[in-house]
Protein backbone atom coordinates (compact mmCIF):
# COMPACT_ATOMS: atom_id res chain seq x y z
CA MET A 1 0.00 -0.04 -0.02
CA LYS A 2 2.84 2.36 0.59
CA LYS A 3 3.99 2.17 -3.00
CA PRO A 4 0.72 3.58 -4.58
CA ALA A 5 0.63 6.32 -2.02
CA LEU A 6 4.24 7.26 -2.74
CA ILE A 7 3.48 7.36 -6.48
CA ILE A 8 0.35 9.58 -5.96
CA ALA A 9 2.33 11.94 -3.71
CA SER A 10 5.12 12.14 -6.28
CA LEU A 11 2.60 12.97 -9.03
CA PHE A 12 0.86 15.53 -6.93
CA LEU A 13 4.20 17.21 -6.28
CA LEU A 14 5.14 17.21 -9.89
CA PHE A 15 1.70 18.72 -10.71
CA ILE A 16 2.08 21.48 -8.14
CA THR A 17 5.62 22.28 -9.31
CA ALA A 18 4.50 22.41 -12.95
CA CYS A 19 1.59 24.82 -12.10
CA ASN A 20 3.94 27.28 -10.16
CA GLN A 21 6.19 27.77 -13.22
CA GLU A 22 5.84 31.12 -15.04
CA PRO A 23 4.84 30.80 -18.66
CA PRO A 24 7.76 31.31 -21.15
CA ASN A 25 8.46 34.88 -22.25
CA PRO A 26 7.17 35.05 -25.82
CA VAL A 27 9.64 37.67 -26.99
CA VAL A 28 12.88 35.94 -25.88
CA GLY A 29 15.07 35.08 -28.83
CA ALA A 30 16.32 36.60 -32.08
CA TRP A 31 13.89 38.17 -34.66
CA ASP A 32 14.45 39.31 -38.14
CA LEU A 33 12.69 42.48 -39.34
CA ILE A 34 10.59 41.71 -42.32
CA TYR A 35 8.22 44.71 -42.54
CA ALA A 36 7.99 48.30 -41.10
CA ARG A 37 5.50 51.11 -41.65
CA GLN A 38 5.40 54.70 -40.36
CA VAL A 39 2.04 56.61 -40.47
CA VAL A 40 1.78 60.29 -39.82
CA ASN A 41 -1.47 62.13 -40.02
CA ASP A 42 -3.16 59.09 -41.80
CA THR A 43 -0.44 59.07 -44.36
CA THR A 44 2.16 56.42 -44.73
CA THR A 45 5.43 58.20 -44.83
CA ALA A 46 7.93 55.19 -44.98
CA THR A 47 7.82 51.57 -45.56
CA TYR A 48 10.39 48.66 -45.24
CA PRO A 49 11.02 47.16 -47.66
CA GLY A 50 10.16 49.93 -50.01
CA ASP A 51 11.33 53.44 -49.03
CA TYR A 52 14.52 51.83 -47.62
CA GLN A 53 16.25 48.49 -47.89
CA GLY A 54 18.59 46.59 -45.72
CA SER A 55 18.18 44.29 -42.72
CA GLN A 56 17.68 44.44 -39.02
CA VAL A 57 17.85 41.83 -36.15
CA LYS A 58 16.29 42.42 -32.73
CA MET A 59 16.95 40.26 -29.80
CA TRP A 60 15.48 39.79 -26.38
CA CYS A 61 16.51 37.95 -23.23
CA ASN A 62 14.57 37.95 -19.96
CA ASN A 63 15.28 41.57 -19.12
CA TYR A 64 17.25 43.21 -21.93
CA TRP A 65 16.72 43.97 -25.62
CA MET A 66 19.06 45.06 -28.54
CA PHE A 67 18.83 45.58 -32.22
CA VAL A 68 21.38 46.18 -35.03
CA GLY A 69 20.79 46.99 -38.64
CA ASP A 70 22.16 48.40 -41.90
CA TYR A 71 19.92 50.21 -44.32
CA ILE A 72 20.15 52.00 -47.68
CA LEU A 73 18.19 55.25 -47.55
CA ASP A 74 18.37 57.68 -50.48
CA SER A 75 21.47 55.82 -51.72
CA ALA A 76 23.33 56.36 -48.37
CA LYS A 77 24.22 53.42 -46.04
CA VAL A 78 22.87 54.01 -42.57
CA SER A 79 23.86 51.81 -39.56
CA ALA A 80 21.39 51.61 -36.60
CA PHE A 81 21.71 50.01 -33.12
CA GLY A 82 20.07 50.19 -29.75
CA GLY A 83 19.69 48.34 -26.49
CA GLY A 84 18.42 48.64 -23.00
CA SER A 85 15.92 47.09 -20.68
CA TYR A 86 12.20 46.20 -20.97
CA THR A 87 9.06 45.02 -19.23
CA LEU A 88 6.28 43.14 -20.71
CA GLU A 89 2.84 42.85 -19.05
CA GLY A 90 0.26 41.28 -21.37
CA ILE A 91 0.51 43.18 -24.66
CA VAL A 92 2.01 46.42 -23.07
CA TYR A 93 5.67 46.54 -23.64
CA LYS A 94 7.97 49.26 -22.22
CA GLU A 95 11.40 49.67 -23.65
CA THR A 96 13.92 51.79 -21.80
CA ILE A 97 16.68 52.89 -24.11
CA LYS A 98 20.28 52.86 -22.68
CA TYR A 99 22.20 52.86 -26.03
CA HIS A 100 21.01 54.08 -29.46
CA SER A 101 22.44 55.31 -32.77
CA THR A 102 20.06 58.33 -32.32
CA PRO A 103 21.51 60.01 -29.09
CA ASP A 104 18.25 61.90 -28.45
CA LEU A 105 16.55 58.57 -27.69
CA VAL A 106 18.99 57.60 -24.95
CA GLY A 107 17.29 57.61 -21.49
CA LYS A 108 13.82 57.53 -22.98
CA THR A 109 11.16 54.87 -22.38
CA LEU A 110 8.73 53.92 -25.16
CA ARG A 111 5.48 52.20 -24.57
CA MET A 112 4.37 49.76 -27.22
CA ARG A 113 1.76 47.24 -28.09
CA ILE A 114 3.43 43.96 -28.79
CA VAL A 115 1.81 40.74 -30.02
CA VAL A 116 3.48 37.32 -30.63
CA GLN A 117 1.80 34.63 -32.67
CA ASN A 118 3.72 31.49 -33.31
CA ASP A 119 6.96 32.75 -35.19
CA THR A 120 5.76 36.35 -35.84
CA LEU A 121 6.10 39.32 -33.62
CA ILE A 122 4.49 42.74 -34.22
CA GLN A 123 5.37 45.78 -32.21
CA VAL A 124 3.50 49.02 -32.68
CA TRP A 125 4.06 52.45 -30.89
CA PRO A 126 3.37 54.82 -29.34
CA ALA A 127 0.72 53.04 -27.16
CA ASP A 128 -1.26 54.06 -24.23
CA GLU A 129 -1.34 52.32 -20.81
CA MET A 130 -3.85 49.65 -22.26
CA GLY A 131 -1.74 49.04 -25.36
CA GLU A 132 -3.97 51.01 -27.61
CA VAL A 133 -2.49 52.76 -30.64
CA ASP A 134 -3.59 55.94 -32.44
CA LYS A 135 -4.22 54.59 -35.91
CA SER A 136 -3.61 57.96 -37.48
CA ASN A 137 0.04 58.15 -36.03
CA TYR A 138 2.21 55.15 -35.37
CA THR A 139 5.23 53.07 -36.26
CA SER A 140 4.87 49.30 -36.63
CA GLU A 141 7.52 46.56 -37.14
CA LYS A 142 6.88 42.96 -38.04
CA TYR A 143 9.47 40.32 -37.27
CA VAL A 144 9.89 36.58 -37.80
CA LYS A 145 11.77 34.45 -35.30
CA ILE A 146 15.18 33.29 -36.41
CA LYS A 147 15.45 29.53 -36.10
């Protein structure tokens, strides 16, 4: 009789341990930019690919993010980079910028809406406290997970 009780207790302990684990962070990993769009006053002002060409990779670990990219814009090569810390609560993502190729952004915190479905990540900003975006003025980026 002791053996079945031991098995049941072990299964119960395994179940309790599994239930207490945090769900995996959906943004963790390396992501390749495949599309971007900037809208100002209901007018698309830039798209990628389209108005500019190149590539960008963005990476997240549990508390930090970074990106690096090279672009061709009006026949000029432009390098971009950035990094810092972040928080993610549901779809509301806050990115604090510690390093950036645009010095005016250093020290700022951007609030975004971020949605991950399977191997696709879409981030849109600026967003309000609930993750809602002004559809007349926003920037969006779409990434696919690098495997």
